[in-house]
C-alpha atoms as a PDB file:
ATOM      1  CA  UNK A   1      16.167   3.876  -2.194  1.00  0.00           C
ATOM      2  CA  UNK A   2      15.669   4.221   1.584  1.00  0.00           C
ATOM      3  CA  UNK A   3      16.717   7.972   1.346  1.00  0.00           C
ATOM      4  CA  UNK A   4      14.041   8.594  -1.335  1.00  0.00           C
ATOM      5  CA  UNK A   5      11.321   6.723   0.681  1.00  0.00           C
ATOM      6  CA  UNK A   6      12.276   8.500   3.852  1.00  0.00           C
ATOM      7  CA  UNK A   7      12.251  11.818   2.101  1.00  0.00           C
ATOM      8  CA  UNK A   8       8.661  11.164   0.759  1.00  0.00           C
ATOM      9  CA  UNK A   9       7.450  10.226   4.252  1.00  0.00           C
ATOM     10  CA  UNK A  10       8.900  13.314   5.723  1.00  0.00           C
ATOM     11  CA  UNK A  11       7.166  15.446   3.144  1.00  0.00           C
ATOM     12  CA  UNK A  12       3.899  13.714   3.886  1.00  0.00           C
ATOM     13  CA  UNK A  13       4.376  14.441   7.508  1.00  0.00           C
ATOM     14  CA  UNK A  14       5.225  18.093   6.807  1.00  0.00           C
ATOM     15  CA  UNK A  15       2.081  18.461   4.805  1.00  0.00           C
ATOM     16  CA  UNK A  16       0.089  16.903   7.500  1.00  0.00           C
ATOM     17  CA  UNK A  17       1.627  19.337  10.160  1.00  0.00           C
ATOM     18  CA  UNK A  18       0.952  22.238   7.827  1.00  0.00           C
ATOM     19  CA  UNK A  19      -2.694  21.263   7.710  1.00  0.00           C
ATOM     20  CA  UNK A  20      -2.857  20.770  11.474  1.00  0.00           C
ATOM     21  CA  UNK A  21      -1.282  24.176  12.007  1.00  0.00           C
ATOM     22  CA  UNK A  22      -3.270  26.108   9.568  1.00  0.00           C
ATOM     23  CA  UNK A  23      -6.648  24.341   9.564  1.00  0.00           C
ATOM     24  CA  UNK A  24      -6.590  22.183  12.741  1.00  0.00           C
ATOM     25  CA  UNK A  25      -7.059  19.182  10.343  1.00  0.00           C
ATOM     26  CA  UNK A  26      -5.177  15.996  10.712  1.00  0.00           C
ATOM     27  CA  UNK A  27      -5.253  14.282   7.322  1.00  0.00           C
ATOM     28  CA  UNK A  28      -3.725  11.044   8.425  1.00  0.00           C
ATOM     29  CA  UNK A  29      -6.216  10.670  11.309  1.00  0.00           C
ATOM     30  CA  UNK A  30      -9.120  11.611   9.014  1.00  0.00           C
ATOM     31  CA  UNK A  31      -8.120   9.080   6.327  1.00  0.00           C
ATOM     32  CA  UNK A  32      -7.316   6.183   8.731  1.00  0.00           C
ATOM     33  CA  UNK A  33      -9.916   6.625  11.460  1.00  0.00           C
ATOM     34  CA  UNK A  34      -8.544   8.906  14.058  1.00  0.00           C
ATOM     35  CA  UNK A  35      -5.275   9.353  15.888  1.00  0.00           C
ATOM     36  CA  UNK A  36      -5.659   6.268  18.095  1.00  0.00           C
ATOM     37  CA  UNK A  37      -6.298   3.923  15.120  1.00  0.00           C
ATOM     38  CA  UNK A  38      -3.539   1.386  14.615  1.00  0.00           C
ATOM     39  CA  UNK A  39      -2.881   2.331  11.067  1.00  0.00           C
ATOM     40  CA  UNK A  40      -2.656   6.054  11.995  1.00  0.00           C
ATOM     41  CA  UNK A  41      -0.197   5.163  14.621  1.00  0.00           C
ATOM     42  CA  UNK A  42       1.858   3.048  12.168  1.00  0.00           C
ATOM     43  CA  UNK A  43       1.943   6.040   9.768  1.00  0.00           C
ATOM     44  CA  UNK A  44       2.974   8.407  12.478  1.00  0.00           C
ATOM     45  CA  UNK A  45       5.735   6.041  13.518  1.00  0.00           C
ATOM     46  CA  UNK A  46       6.855   5.562   9.941  1.00  0.00           C
ATOM     47  CA  UNK A  47       7.062   9.271   9.465  1.00  0.00           C
ATOM     48  CA  UNK A  48       8.952   9.783  12.668  1.00  0.00           C
ATOM     49  CA  UNK A  49      11.473   7.081  11.806  1.00  0.00           C
ATOM     50  CA  UNK A  50      11.879   8.617   8.325  1.00  0.00           C
ATOM     51  CA  UNK A  51      12.554  12.016   9.940  1.00  0.00           C
ATOM     52  CA  UNK A  52      15.299  10.445  12.097  1.00  0.00           C
ATOM     53  CA  UNK A  53      16.764   8.765   9.044  1.00  0.00           C
ATOM     54  CA  UNK A  54      16.787  12.110   7.139  1.00  0.00           C
ATOM     55  CA  UNK A  55      19.073  13.440   9.756  1.00  0.00           C
ATOM     56  CA  UNK A  56      21.753  11.256   8.273  1.00  0.00           C
ATOM     57  CA  UNK A  57      21.234  13.008   4.924  1.00  0.00           C
ATOM     58  CA  UNK A  58      22.673  16.168   6.488  1.00  0.00           C
ATOM     59  CA  UNK A  59      25.941  14.451   6.953  1.00  0.00           C
ATOM     60  CA  UNK A  60      26.180  12.614   3.633  1.00  0.00           C
ATOM     61  CA  UNK A  61      28.787  13.843   1.141  1.00  0.00           C
ATOM     62  CA  UNK A  62      27.506  14.665  -2.295  1.00  0.00           C
ATOM     63  CA  UNK A  63      29.819  13.300  -4.907  1.00  0.00           C
ATOM     64  CA  UNK A  64      28.243  15.406  -7.802  1.00  0.00           C
END
């Protein structure tokens, strides 16, 4: 379950960075009131933590 949630957060982060890179538009900041808003900072922190967790997925063995 944690793997799936982390992967979803990383995908959200990747989409946000795509928007920043292509359109200079930060969707998270726009939705939650700017980059400095506490909820935006929480989202950024969760996405970053999820990215770190997803590193472990590189080393998991797939038993399928």
